[in-house]
Amino acid sequence: MRFVVAAVACALAMPAWGQERPAAQGSAAVLRALDKVNGHTMDAEVAIGASSEMFGLLVTVSDCRFPKENPTGDAFAYLTVRDSGDGATHFQGWMVASSPALNALDHNRYDVWVMRCSSS
């Protein structure tokens, strides 16, 4: 019985996984792009609401957030990635800096992922 009471008390003291944590909004997102054919990379800091051309892809950042208690911690950004030539959308959604494969750009030549948010 003592074990059950201790387990319940421990469970109540710890925050639940998936529980909301306060997030701060950044003013820009730092992104990295990779050309998988030749191995070249490029970084860009893209302001919220702005776009940047990265290897022929037009990347638009709609939002970038990070944990308030850990500003250098895990960032997540809402991106739209379009072909700069024909405007075809290749990706639209949230990307998480610590797990870029969780919701990744599916492109045969290029890869884009979030590095962090900027708040300056």
PDB file of N, CA and C in Angstrom:
ATOM      1  N   MET A   1       0.822  -1.198   0.000  1.00  0.00           N
ATOM      2  CA  MET A   1       0.000   0.000   0.000  1.00  0.00           C
ATOM      3  C   MET A   1       0.861   1.256   0.000  1.00  0.00           C
ATOM      4  N   ARG A   2       1.945   1.218   0.769  1.00  0.00           N
ATOM      5  CA  ARG A   2       2.832   2.377   0.826  1.00  0.00           C
ATOM      6  C   ARG A   2       3.425   2.671  -0.558  1.00  0.00           C
ATOM      7  N   PHE A   3       3.708   1.624  -1.334  1.00  0.00           N
ATOM      8  CA  PHE A   3       4.265   1.783  -2.674  1.00  0.00           C
ATOM      9  C   PHE A   3       3.271   2.496  -3.596  1.00  0.00           C
ATOM     10  N   VAL A   4       2.009   2.128  -3.511  1.00  0.00           N
ATOM     11  CA  VAL A   4       0.970   2.740  -4.340  1.00  0.00           C
ATOM     12  C   VAL A   4       0.827   4.216  -4.001  1.00  0.00           C
ATOM     13  N   VAL A   5       0.826   4.561  -2.735  1.00  0.00           N
ATOM     14  CA  VAL A   5       0.701   5.956  -2.318  1.00  0.00           C
ATOM     15  C   VAL A   5       1.906   6.762  -2.804  1.00  0.00           C
ATOM     16  N   ALA A   6       3.109   6.180  -2.697  1.00  0.00           N
ATOM     17  CA  ALA A   6       4.313   6.870  -3.151  1.00  0.00           C
ATOM     18  C   ALA A   6       4.287   7.067  -4.661  1.00  0.00           C
ATOM     19  N   ALA A   7       3.819   6.083  -5.412  1.00  0.00           N
ATOM     20  CA  ALA A   7       3.748   6.192  -6.873  1.00  0.00           C
ATOM     21  C   ALA A   7       2.756   7.262  -7.294  1.00  0.00           C
ATOM     22  N   VAL A   8       1.616   7.333  -6.645  1.00  0.00           N
ATOM     23  CA  VAL A   8       0.603   8.344  -6.967  1.00  0.00           C
ATOM     24  C   VAL A   8       1.131   9.734  -6.632  1.00  0.00           C
ATOM     25  N   ALA A   9       1.787   9.880  -5.487  1.00  0.00           N
ATOM     26  CA  ALA A   9       2.341  11.181  -5.094  1.00  0.00           C
ATOM     27  C   ALA A   9       3.413  11.628  -6.085  1.00  0.00           C
ATOM     28  N   CYS A  10       4.225  10.699  -6.516  1.00  0.00           N
ATOM     29  CA  CYS A  10       5.274  11.022  -7.485  1.00  0.00           C
ATOM     30  C   CYS A  10       4.655  11.436  -8.816  1.00  0.00           C
ATOM     31  N   ALA A  11       3.627  10.739  -9.251  1.00  0.00           N
ATOM     32  CA  ALA A  11       2.969  11.056 -10.514  1.00  0.00           C
ATOM     33  C   ALA A  11       2.312  12.425 -10.474  1.00  0.00           C
ATOM     34  N   LEU A  12       1.745  12.797  -9.337  1.00  0.00           N
ATOM     35  CA  LEU A  12       1.109  14.104  -9.212  1.00  0.00           C
ATOM     36  C   LEU A  12       2.127  15.235  -9.149  1.00  0.00           C
ATOM     37  N   ALA A  13       3.311  14.970  -8.665  1.00  0.00           N
ATOM     38  CA  ALA A  13       4.338  16.003  -8.534  1.00  0.00           C
ATOM     39  C   ALA A  13       5.029  16.305  -9.856  1.00  0.00           C
ATOM     40  N   MET A  14       5.084  15.336 -10.758  1.00  0.00           N
ATOM     41  CA  MET A  14       5.779  15.530 -12.027  1.00  0.00           C
ATOM     42  C   MET A  14       4.803  16.041 -13.080  1.00  0.00           C
ATOM     43  N   PRO A  15       5.264  16.970 -13.948  1.00  0.00           N
ATOM     44  CA  PRO A  15       4.380  17.427 -15.025  1.00  0.00           C
ATOM     45  C   PRO A  15       4.130  16.306 -16.016  1.00  0.00           C
ATOM     46  N   ALA A  16       2.925  16.264 -16.525  1.00  0.00           N
ATOM     47  CA  ALA A  16       2.545  15.220 -17.484  1.00  0.00           C
ATOM     48  C   ALA A  16       3.230  15.470 -18.819  1.00  0.00           C
ATOM     49  N   TRP A  17       3.607  14.369 -19.482  1.00  0.00           N
ATOM     50  CA  TRP A  17       4.198  14.491 -20.798  1.00  0.00           C
ATOM     51  C   TRP A  17       3.154  15.067 -21.736  1.00  0.00           C
ATOM     52  N   GLY A  18       3.525  16.013 -22.531  1.00  0.00           N
ATOM     53  CA  GLY A  18       2.591  16.638 -23.453  1.00  0.00           C
ATOM     54  C   GLY A  18       1.832  17.794 -22.838  1.00  0.00           C
ATOM     55  N   GLN A  19       2.070  18.040 -21.554  1.00  0.00           N
ATOM     56  CA  GLN A  19       1.401  19.150 -20.888  1.00  0.00           C
ATOM     57  C   GLN A  19       1.924  20.451 -21.477  1.00  0.00           C
ATOM     58  N   GLU A  20       1.061  21.431 -21.591  1.00  0.00           N
ATOM     59  CA  GLU A  20       1.468  22.702 -22.175  1.00  0.00           C
ATOM     60  C   GLU A  20       2.572  23.341 -21.362  1.00  0.00           C
ATOM     61  N   ARG A  21       3.574  23.817 -22.072  1.00  0.00           N
ATOM     62  CA  ARG A  21       4.657  24.578 -21.458  1.00  0.00           C
ATOM     63  C   ARG A  21       4.616  25.962 -22.076  1.00  0.00           C
ATOM     64  N   PRO A  22       4.881  26.993 -21.293  1.00  0.00           N
ATOM     65  CA  PRO A  22       4.840  28.344 -21.859  1.00  0.00           C
ATOM     66  C   PRO A  22       5.899  28.517 -22.950  1.00  0.00           C
ATOM     67  N   ALA A  23       5.472  29.080 -24.065  1.00  0.00           N
ATOM     68  CA  ALA A  23       6.381  29.310 -25.187  1.00  0.00           C
ATOM     69  C   ALA A  23       6.436  30.798 -25.487  1.00  0.00           C
ATOM     70  N   ALA A  24       7.617  31.248 -25.874  1.00  0.00           N
ATOM     71  CA  ALA A  24       7.808  32.631 -26.293  1.00  0.00           C
ATOM     72  C   ALA A  24       7.905  32.669 -27.809  1.00  0.00           C
ATOM     73  N   GLN A  25       7.465  33.772 -28.380  1.00  0.00           N
ATOM     74  CA  GLN A  25       7.519  33.906 -29.828  1.00  0.00           C
ATOM     75  C   GLN A  25       8.790  34.642 -30.227  1.00  0.00           C
ATOM     76  N   GLY A  26       9.507  34.080 -31.181  1.00  0.00           N
ATOM     77  CA  GLY A  26      10.698  34.721 -31.710  1.00  0.00           C
ATOM     78  C   GLY A  26      10.340  35.716 -32.800  1.00  0.00           C
ATOM     79  N   SER A  27      11.293  36.542 -33.152  1.00  0.00           N
ATOM     80  CA  SER A  27      11.061  37.513 -34.227  1.00  0.00           C
ATOM     81  C   SER A  27      11.527  36.983 -35.576  1.00  0.00           C
ATOM     82  N   ALA A  28      12.293  35.873 -35.546  1.00  0.00           N
ATOM     83  CA  ALA A  28      12.807  35.270 -36.781  1.00  0.00           C
ATOM     84  C   ALA A  28      13.174  33.819 -36.505  1.00  0.00           C
ATOM     85  N   ALA A  29      13.354  33.065 -37.579  1.00  0.00           N
ATOM     86  CA  ALA A  29      13.802  31.680 -37.472  1.00  0.00           C
ATOM     87  C   ALA A  29      15.120  31.546 -38.217  1.00  0.00           C
ATOM     88  N   VAL A  30      16.043  30.795 -37.628  1.00  0.00           N
ATOM     89  CA  VAL A  30      17.301  30.480 -38.292  1.00  0.00           C
ATOM     90  C   VAL A  30      17.118  29.109 -38.937  1.00  0.00           C
ATOM     91  N   LEU A  31      17.270  29.063 -40.251  1.00  0.00           N
ATOM     92  CA  LEU A  31      17.032  27.846 -41.021  1.00  0.00           C
ATOM     93  C   LEU A  31      18.327  27.386 -41.684  1.00  0.00           C
ATOM     94  N   ARG A  32      18.404  26.097 -41.943  1.00  0.00           N
ATOM     95  CA  ARG A  32      19.535  25.543 -42.700  1.00  0.00           C
ATOM     96  C   ARG A  32      18.966  24.737 -43.854  1.00  0.00           C
ATOM     97  N   ALA A  33      19.571  24.900 -45.023  1.00  0.00           N
ATOM     98  CA  ALA A  33      19.181  24.150 -46.217  1.00  0.00           C
ATOM     99  C   ALA A  33      20.373  23.331 -46.695  1.00  0.00           C
ATOM    100  N   LEU A  34      20.085  22.177 -47.254  1.00  0.00           N
ATOM    101  CA  LEU A  34      21.103  21.275 -47.770  1.00  0.00           C
ATOM    102  C   LEU A  34      20.763  20.894 -49.200  1.00  0.00           C
ATOM    103  N   ASP A  35      21.754  21.005 -50.081  1.00  0.00           N
ATOM    104  CA  ASP A  35      21.639  20.469 -51.433  1.00  0.00           C
ATOM    105  C   ASP A  35      22.220  19.061 -51.351  1.00  0.00           C
ATOM    106  N   LYS A  36      21.361  18.053 -51.436  1.00  0.00           N
ATOM    107  CA  LYS A  36      21.783  16.666 -51.233  1.00  0.00           C
ATOM    108  C   LYS A  36      22.648  16.133 -52.378  1.00  0.00           C
ATOM    109  N   VAL A  37      22.648  16.794 -53.527  1.00  0.00           N
ATOM    110  CA  VAL A  37      23.438  16.326 -54.653  1.00  0.00           C
ATOM    111  C   VAL A  37      24.913  16.677 -54.475  1.00  0.00           C
ATOM    112  N   ASN A  38      25.202  17.929 -54.107  1.00  0.00           N
ATOM    113  CA  ASN A  38      26.601  18.340 -53.995  1.00  0.00           C
ATOM    114  C   ASN A  38      27.061  18.582 -52.554  1.00  0.00           C
ATOM    115  N   GLY A  39      26.171  18.442 -51.588  1.00  0.00           N
ATOM    116  CA  GLY A  39      26.545  18.565 -50.181  1.00  0.00           C
ATOM    117  C   GLY A  39      26.692  19.987 -49.673  1.00  0.00           C
ATOM    118  N   HIS A  40      26.298  20.983 -50.451  1.00  0.00           N
ATOM    119  CA  HIS A  40      26.395  22.376 -50.009  1.00  0.00           C
ATOM    120  C   HIS A  40      25.267  22.701 -49.032  1.00  0.00           C
ATOM    121  N   THR A  41      25.600  23.514 -48.030  1.00  0.00           N
ATOM    122  CA  THR A  41      24.591  23.983 -47.078  1.00  0.00           C
ATOM    123  C   THR A  41      24.575  25.504 -47.080  1.00  0.00           C
ATOM    124  N   MET A  42      23.475  26.048 -46.621  1.00  0.00           N
ATOM    125  CA  MET A  42      23.365  27.487 -46.429  1.00  0.00           C
ATOM    126  C   MET A  42      22.442  27.747 -45.261  1.00  0.00           C
ATOM    127  N   ASP A  43      22.734  28.788 -44.497  1.00  0.00           N
ATOM    128  CA  ASP A  43      21.908  29.209 -43.376  1.00  0.00           C
ATOM    129  C   ASP A  43      21.266  30.543 -43.721  1.00  0.00           C
ATOM    130  N   ALA A  44      20.074  30.761 -43.188  1.00  0.00           N
ATOM    131  CA  ALA A  44      19.387  32.037 -43.390  1.00  0.00           C
ATOM    132  C   ALA A  44      18.568  32.355 -42.154  1.00  0.00           C
ATOM    133  N   GLU A  45      18.571  33.612 -41.767  1.00  0.00           N
ATOM    134  CA  GLU A  45      17.698  34.079 -40.693  1.00  0.00           C
ATOM    135  C   GLU A  45      16.529  34.783 -41.368  1.00  0.00           C
ATOM    136  N   VAL A  46      15.335  34.231 -41.187  1.00  0.00           N
ATOM    137  CA  VAL A  46      14.145  34.715 -41.891  1.00  0.00           C
ATOM    138  C   VAL A  46      13.172  35.272 -40.868  1.00  0.00           C
ATOM    139  N   ALA A  47      12.812  36.535 -41.017  1.00  0.00           N
ATOM    140  CA  ALA A  47      11.876  37.181 -40.099  1.00  0.00           C
ATOM    141  C   ALA A  47      10.487  36.564 -40.221  1.00  0.00           C
ATOM    142  N   ILE A  48       9.719  36.641 -39.140  1.00  0.00           N
ATOM    143  CA  ILE A  48       8.338  36.143 -39.150  1.00  0.00           C
ATOM    144  C   ILE A  48       7.566  36.918 -40.215  1.00  0.00           C
ATOM    145  N   GLY A  49       6.878  36.195 -41.079  1.00  0.00           N
ATOM    146  CA  GLY A  49       6.104  36.807 -42.156  1.00  0.00           C
ATOM    147  C   GLY A  49       6.901  37.063 -43.424  1.00  0.00           C
ATOM    148  N   ALA A  50       8.194  36.789 -43.389  1.00  0.00           N
ATOM    149  CA  ALA A  50       9.050  37.020 -44.556  1.00  0.00           C
ATOM    150  C   ALA A  50       9.426  35.699 -45.221  1.00  0.00           C
ATOM    151  N   SER A  51      10.043  35.812 -46.382  1.00  0.00           N
ATOM    152  CA  SER A  51      10.485  34.646 -47.147  1.00  0.00           C
ATOM    153  C   SER A  51      11.945  34.799 -47.523  1.00  0.00           C
ATOM    154  N   SER A  52      12.580  33.657 -47.787  1.00  0.00           N
ATOM    155  CA  SER A  52      13.964  33.642 -48.242  1.00  0.00           C
ATOM    156  C   SER A  52      14.112  32.553 -49.287  1.00  0.00           C
ATOM    157  N   GLU A  53      14.887  32.842 -50.326  1.00  0.00           N
ATOM    158  CA  GLU A  53      15.152  31.823 -51.337  1.00  0.00           C
ATOM    159  C   GLU A  53      16.384  31.038 -50.915  1.00  0.00           C
ATOM    160  N   MET A  54      16.224  29.724 -50.833  1.00  0.00           N
ATOM    161  CA  MET A  54      17.305  28.831 -50.431  1.00  0.00           C
ATOM    162  C   MET A  54      17.394  27.727 -51.475  1.00  0.00           C
ATOM    163  N   PHE A  55      18.449  27.759 -52.299  1.00  0.00           N
ATOM    164  CA  PHE A  55      18.664  26.753 -53.344  1.00  0.00           C
ATOM    165  C   PHE A  55      17.457  26.583 -54.260  1.00  0.00           C
ATOM    166  N   GLY A  56      16.802  27.649 -54.648  1.00  0.00           N
ATOM    167  CA  GLY A  56      15.671  27.551 -55.561  1.00  0.00           C
ATOM    168  C   GLY A  56      14.343  27.255 -54.897  1.00  0.00           C
ATOM    169  N   LEU A  57      14.344  27.159 -53.567  1.00  0.00           N
ATOM    170  CA  LEU A  57      13.104  26.989 -52.816  1.00  0.00           C
ATOM    171  C   LEU A  57      12.791  28.291 -52.105  1.00  0.00           C
ATOM    172  N   LEU A  58      11.536  28.684 -52.102  1.00  0.00           N
ATOM    173  CA  LEU A  58      11.104  29.885 -51.405  1.00  0.00           C
ATOM    174  C   LEU A  58      10.534  29.447 -50.060  1.00  0.00           C
ATOM    175  N   VAL A  59      11.225  29.802 -48.975  1.00  0.00           N
ATOM    176  CA  VAL A  59      10.839  29.374 -47.631  1.00  0.00           C
ATOM    177  C   VAL A  59      10.229  30.562 -46.898  1.00  0.00           C
ATOM    178  N   THR A  60       8.981  30.418 -46.451  1.00  0.00           N
ATOM    179  CA  THR A  60       8.267  31.458 -45.725  1.00  0.00           C
ATOM    180  C   THR A  60       8.080  31.009 -44.287  1.00  0.00           C
ATOM    181  N   VAL A  61       8.402  31.893 -43.344  1.00  0.00           N
ATOM    182  CA  VAL A  61       8.247  31.605 -41.916  1.00  0.00           C
ATOM    183  C   VAL A  61       7.019  32.354 -41.410  1.00  0.00           C
ATOM    184  N   SER A  62       6.042  31.603 -40.901  1.00  0.00           N
ATOM    185  CA  SER A  62       4.827  32.223 -40.364  1.00  0.00           C
ATOM    186  C   SER A  62       4.887  32.409 -38.857  1.00  0.00           C
ATOM    187  N   ASP A  63       5.659  31.567 -38.172  1.00  0.00           N
ATOM    188  CA  ASP A  63       5.745  31.635 -36.717  1.00  0.00           C
ATOM    189  C   ASP A  63       6.991  30.895 -36.267  1.00  0.00           C
ATOM    190  N   CYS A  64       7.561  31.319 -35.147  1.00  0.00           N
ATOM    191  CA  CYS A  64       8.696  30.614 -34.547  1.00  0.00           C
ATOM    192  C   CYS A  64       8.579  30.776 -33.040  1.00  0.00           C
ATOM    193  N   ARG A  65       8.590  29.664 -32.326  1.00  0.00           N
ATOM    194  CA  ARG A  65       8.427  29.685 -30.869  1.00  0.00           C
ATOM    195  C   ARG A  65       9.489  28.821 -30.203  1.00  0.00           C
ATOM    196  N   PHE A  66       9.755  29.140 -28.943  1.00  0.00           N
ATOM    197  CA  PHE A  66      10.741  28.398 -28.167  1.00  0.00           C
ATOM    198  C   PHE A  66      10.302  28.388 -26.707  1.00  0.00           C
ATOM    199  N   PRO A  67      10.776  27.432 -25.902  1.00  0.00           N
ATOM    200  CA  PRO A  67      10.372  27.362 -24.495  1.00  0.00           C
ATOM    201  C   PRO A  67      10.837  28.593 -23.719  1.00  0.00           C
ATOM    202  N   LYS A  68       9.933  29.205 -22.943  1.00  0.00           N
ATOM    203  CA  LYS A  68      10.283  30.390 -22.149  1.00  0.00           C
ATOM    204  C   LYS A  68      11.362  30.077 -21.119  1.00  0.00           C
ATOM    205  N   GLU A  69      11.276  28.903 -20.528  1.00  0.00           N
ATOM    206  CA  GLU A  69      12.241  28.567 -19.475  1.00  0.00           C
ATOM    207  C   GLU A  69      13.611  28.182 -20.031  1.00  0.00           C
ATOM    208  N   ASN A  70      13.713  27.981 -21.347  1.00  0.00           N
ATOM    209  CA  ASN A  70      14.976  27.588 -21.957  1.00  0.00           C
ATOM    210  C   ASN A  70      15.090  28.221 -23.343  1.00  0.00           C
ATOM    211  N   PRO A  71      15.472  29.508 -23.416  1.00  0.00           N
ATOM    212  CA  PRO A  71      15.511  30.206 -24.707  1.00  0.00           C
ATOM    213  C   PRO A  71      16.436  29.578 -25.741  1.00  0.00           C
ATOM    214  N   THR A  72      17.474  28.887 -25.303  1.00  0.00           N
ATOM    215  CA  THR A  72      18.370  28.240 -26.257  1.00  0.00           C
ATOM    216  C   THR A  72      17.926  26.812 -26.548  1.00  0.00           C
ATOM    217  N   GLY A  73      16.774  26.435 -25.999  1.00  0.00           N
ATOM    218  CA  GLY A  73      16.278  25.073 -26.168  1.00  0.00           C
ATOM    219  C   GLY A  73      15.543  24.861 -27.461  1.00  0.00           C
ATOM    220  N   ASP A  74      14.685  23.909 -27.439  1.00  0.00           N
ATOM    221  CA  ASP A  74      14.009  23.425 -28.626  1.00  0.00           C
ATOM    222  C   ASP A  74      13.086  24.465 -29.250  1.00  0.00           C
ATOM    223  N   ALA A  75      13.314  24.767 -30.511  1.00  0.00           N
ATOM    224  CA  ALA A  75      12.482  25.708 -31.250  1.00  0.00           C
ATOM    225  C   ALA A  75      11.558  24.944 -32.186  1.00  0.00           C
ATOM    226  N   PHE A  76      10.433  25.554 -32.514  1.00  0.00           N
ATOM    227  CA  PHE A  76       9.541  24.996 -33.525  1.00  0.00           C
ATOM    228  C   PHE A  76       8.988  26.143 -34.347  1.00  0.00           C
ATOM    229  N   ALA A  77       8.929  25.930 -35.662  1.00  0.00           N
ATOM    230  CA  ALA A  77       8.520  26.992 -36.570  1.00  0.00           C
ATOM    231  C   ALA A  77       7.518  26.473 -37.585  1.00  0.00           C
ATOM    232  N   TYR A  78       6.608  27.356 -37.989  1.00  0.00           N
ATOM    233  CA  TYR A  78       5.641  27.029 -39.031  1.00  0.00           C
ATOM    234  C   TYR A  78       6.188  27.552 -40.353  1.00  0.00           C
ATOM    235  N   LEU A  79       6.471  26.627 -41.269  1.00  0.00           N
ATOM    236  CA  LEU A  79       7.100  26.975 -42.544  1.00  0.00           C
ATOM    237  C   LEU A  79       6.216  26.595 -43.726  1.00  0.00           C
ATOM    238  N   THR A  80       6.359  27.348 -44.795  1.00  0.00           N
ATOM    239  CA  THR A  80       5.806  26.984 -46.094  1.00  0.00           C
ATOM    240  C   THR A  80       6.978  26.989 -47.065  1.00  0.00           C
ATOM    241  N   VAL A  81       7.178  25.869 -47.761  1.00  0.00           N
ATOM    242  CA  VAL A  81       8.282  25.741 -48.708  1.00  0.00           C
ATOM    243  C   VAL A  81       7.684  25.524 -50.097  1.00  0.00           C
ATOM    244  N   ARG A  82       7.980  26.471 -51.002  1.00  0.00           N
ATOM    245  CA  ARG A  82       7.463  26.411 -52.361  1.00  0.00           C
ATOM    246  C   ARG A  82       8.614  26.426 -53.354  1.00  0.00           C
ATOM    247  N   ASP A  83       8.365  25.916 -54.527  1.00  0.00           N
ATOM    248  CA  ASP A  83       9.328  25.987 -55.625  1.00  0.00           C
ATOM    249  C   ASP A  83       9.303  27.411 -56.146  1.00  0.00           C
ATOM    250  N   SER A  84      10.459  28.050 -56.245  1.00  0.00           N
ATOM    251  CA  SER A  84      10.477  29.450 -56.687  1.00  0.00           C
ATOM    252  C   SER A  84      10.158  29.589 -58.170  1.00  0.00           C
ATOM    253  N   GLY A  85      10.278  28.498 -58.920  1.00  0.00           N
ATOM    254  CA  GLY A  85       9.966  28.550 -60.349  1.00  0.00           C
ATOM    255  C   GLY A  85       8.481  28.471 -60.637  1.00  0.00           C
ATOM    256  N   ASP A  86       7.847  27.372 -60.235  1.00  0.00           N
ATOM    257  CA  ASP A  86       6.432  27.169 -60.563  1.00  0.00           C
ATOM    258  C   ASP A  86       5.482  27.415 -59.390  1.00  0.00           C
ATOM    259  N   GLY A  87       6.011  27.684 -58.201  1.00  0.00           N
ATOM    260  CA  GLY A  87       5.168  27.990 -57.048  1.00  0.00           C
ATOM    261  C   GLY A  87       4.534  26.785 -56.377  1.00  0.00           C
ATOM    262  N   ALA A  88       4.898  25.568 -56.799  1.00  0.00           N
ATOM    263  CA  ALA A  88       4.335  24.356 -56.194  1.00  0.00           C
ATOM    264  C   ALA A  88       4.762  24.259 -54.727  1.00  0.00           C
ATOM    265  N   THR A  89       3.801  23.946 -53.868  1.00  0.00           N
ATOM    266  CA  THR A  89       4.085  23.821 -52.437  1.00  0.00           C
ATOM    267  C   THR A  89       4.624  22.427 -52.150  1.00  0.00           C
ATOM    268  N   HIS A  90       5.824  22.383 -51.551  1.00  0.00           N
ATOM    269  CA  HIS A  90       6.458  21.116 -51.191  1.00  0.00           C
ATOM    270  C   HIS A  90       6.267  20.768 -49.721  1.00  0.00           C
ATOM    271  N   PHE A  91       6.025  21.787 -48.888  1.00  0.00           N
ATOM    272  CA  PHE A  91       5.847  21.560 -47.451  1.00  0.00           C
ATOM    273  C   PHE A  91       5.085  22.727 -46.859  1.00  0.00           C
ATOM    274  N   GLN A  92       4.211  22.403 -45.910  1.00  0.00           N
ATOM    275  CA  GLN A  92       3.541  23.433 -45.125  1.00  0.00           C
ATOM    276  C   GLN A  92       3.200  22.812 -43.782  1.00  0.00           C
ATOM    277  N   GLY A  93       3.753  23.379 -42.715  1.00  0.00           N
ATOM    278  CA  GLY A  93       3.470  22.859 -41.387  1.00  0.00           C
ATOM    279  C   GLY A  93       4.548  23.231 -40.385  1.00  0.00           C
ATOM    280  N   TRP A  94       4.433  22.623 -39.186  1.00  0.00           N
ATOM    281  CA  TRP A  94       5.376  22.879 -38.103  1.00  0.00           C
ATOM    282  C   TRP A  94       6.593  21.981 -38.253  1.00  0.00           C
ATOM    283  N   MET A  95       7.777  22.548 -38.042  1.00  0.00           N
ATOM    284  CA  MET A  95       9.026  21.790 -37.968  1.00  0.00           C
ATOM    285  C   MET A  95       9.611  22.013 -36.584  1.00  0.00           C
ATOM    286  N   VAL A  96      10.137  20.946 -35.995  1.00  0.00           N
ATOM    287  CA  VAL A  96      10.725  20.997 -34.661  1.00  0.00           C
ATOM    288  C   VAL A  96      12.238  20.870 -34.802  1.00  0.00           C
ATOM    289  N   ALA A  97      12.975  21.787 -34.177  1.00  0.00           N
ATOM    290  CA  ALA A  97      14.433  21.818 -34.327  1.00  0.00           C
ATOM    291  C   ALA A  97      15.096  20.530 -33.855  1.00  0.00           C
ATOM    292  N   SER A  98      14.636  19.976 -32.740  1.00  0.00           N
ATOM    293  CA  SER A  98      15.292  18.783 -32.195  1.00  0.00           C
ATOM    294  C   SER A  98      14.904  17.503 -32.926  1.00  0.00           C
ATOM    295  N   SER A  99      13.822  17.538 -33.694  1.00  0.00           N
ATOM    296  CA  SER A  99      13.360  16.351 -34.415  1.00  0.00           C
ATOM    297  C   SER A  99      12.931  16.728 -35.827  1.00  0.00           C
ATOM    298  N   PRO A 100      13.874  17.108 -36.692  1.00  0.00           N
ATOM    299  CA  PRO A 100      13.486  17.563 -38.027  1.00  0.00           C
ATOM    300  C   PRO A 100      12.808  16.483 -38.861  1.00  0.00           C
ATOM    301  N   ALA A 101      13.072  15.218 -38.580  1.00  0.00           N
ATOM    302  CA  ALA A 101      12.452  14.136 -39.351  1.00  0.00           C
ATOM    303  C   ALA A 101      11.013  13.872 -38.921  1.00  0.00           C
ATOM    304  N   LEU A 102      10.589  14.446 -37.801  1.00  0.00           N
ATOM    305  CA  LEU A 102       9.220  14.248 -37.315  1.00  0.00           C
ATOM    306  C   LEU A 102       8.197  14.748 -38.328  1.00  0.00           C
ATOM    307  N   ASN A 103       8.462  15.893 -38.920  1.00  0.00           N
ATOM    308  CA  ASN A 103       7.605  16.471 -39.953  1.00  0.00           C
ATOM    309  C   ASN A 103       8.537  17.168 -40.936  1.00  0.00           C
ATOM    310  N   ALA A 104       9.033  16.417 -41.904  1.00  0.00           N
ATOM    311  CA  ALA A 104      10.124  16.891 -42.764  1.00  0.00           C
ATOM    312  C   ALA A 104       9.653  17.275 -44.160  1.00  0.00           C
ATOM    313  N   LEU A 105      10.461  18.113 -44.790  1.00  0.00           N
ATOM    314  CA  LEU A 105      10.283  18.447 -46.201  1.00  0.00           C
ATOM    315  C   LEU A 105      10.586  17.199 -47.021  1.00  0.00           C
ATOM    316  N   ASP A 106       9.686  16.843 -47.919  1.00  0.00           N
ATOM    317  CA  ASP A 106       9.892  15.677 -48.780  1.00  0.00           C
ATOM    318  C   ASP A 106      10.241  16.181 -50.183  1.00  0.00           C
ATOM    319  N   HIS A 107      11.528  16.387 -50.419  1.00  0.00           N
ATOM    320  CA  HIS A 107      12.000  16.889 -51.709  1.00  0.00           C
ATOM    321  C   HIS A 107      13.146  15.995 -52.162  1.00  0.00           C
ATOM    322  N   ASN A 108      13.207  15.704 -53.451  1.00  0.00           N
ATOM    323  CA  ASN A 108      14.226  14.775 -53.939  1.00  0.00           C
ATOM    324  C   ASN A 108      15.642  15.330 -53.900  1.00  0.00           C
ATOM    325  N   ARG A 109      15.815  16.645 -53.925  1.00  0.00           N
ATOM    326  CA  ARG A 109      17.168  17.206 -53.951  1.00  0.00           C
ATOM    327  C   ARG A 109      17.520  18.038 -52.721  1.00  0.00           C
ATOM    328  N   TYR A 110      16.560  18.752 -52.152  1.00  0.00           N
ATOM    329  CA  TYR A 110      16.863  19.709 -51.089  1.00  0.00           C
ATOM    330  C   TYR A 110      16.244  19.291 -49.758  1.00  0.00           C
ATOM    331  N   ASP A 111      16.866  19.765 -48.696  1.00  0.00           N
ATOM    332  CA  ASP A 111      16.346  19.565 -47.348  1.00  0.00           C
ATOM    333  C   ASP A 111      16.424  20.907 -46.635  1.00  0.00           C
ATOM    334  N   VAL A 112      15.417  21.224 -45.845  1.00  0.00           N
ATOM    335  CA  VAL A 112      15.373  22.457 -45.060  1.00  0.00           C
ATOM    336  C   VAL A 112      14.933  22.083 -43.666  1.00  0.00           C
ATOM    337  N   TRP A 113      15.593  22.670 -42.651  1.00  0.00           N
ATOM    338  CA  TRP A 113      15.158  22.428 -41.279  1.00  0.00           C
ATOM    339  C   TRP A 113      15.423  23.647 -40.416  1.00  0.00           C
ATOM    340  N   VAL A 114      14.760  23.669 -39.258  1.00  0.00           N
ATOM    341  CA  VAL A 114      14.842  24.777 -38.302  1.00  0.00           C
ATOM    342  C   VAL A 114      16.021  24.537 -37.372  1.00  0.00           C
ATOM    343  N   MET A 115      16.827  25.570 -37.155  1.00  0.00           N
ATOM    344  CA  MET A 115      17.937  25.491 -36.200  1.00  0.00           C
ATOM    345  C   MET A 115      17.524  26.073 -34.845  1.00  0.00           C
ATOM    346  N   ARG A 116      16.951  27.282 -34.875  1.00  0.00           N
ATOM    347  CA  ARG A 116      16.552  27.962 -33.641  1.00  0.00           C
ATOM    348  C   ARG A 116      15.722  29.192 -34.001  1.00  0.00           C
ATOM    349  N   CYS A 117      15.169  29.829 -32.988  1.00  0.00           N
ATOM    350  CA  CYS A 117      14.471  31.103 -33.159  1.00  0.00           C
ATOM    351  C   CYS A 117      15.393  32.233 -32.715  1.00  0.00           C
ATOM    352  N   SER A 118      15.212  33.396 -33.297  1.00  0.00           N
ATOM    353  CA  SER A 118      15.903  34.606 -32.867  1.00  0.00           C
ATOM    354  C   SER A 118      14.875  35.525 -32.246  1.00  0.00           C
ATOM    355  N   SER A 119      15.271  36.220 -31.203  1.00  0.00           N
ATOM    356  CA  SER A 119      14.324  37.119 -30.560  1.00  0.00           C
ATOM    357  C   SER A 119      14.845  38.547 -30.512  1.00  0.00           C
ATOM    358  N   SER A 120      15.837  38.839 -31.336  1.00  0.00           N
ATOM    359  CA  SER A 120      16.398  40.193 -31.332  1.00  0.00           C
ATOM    360  C   SER A 120      15.701  41.078 -32.338  1.00  0.00           C
TER     361      SER A 120
END
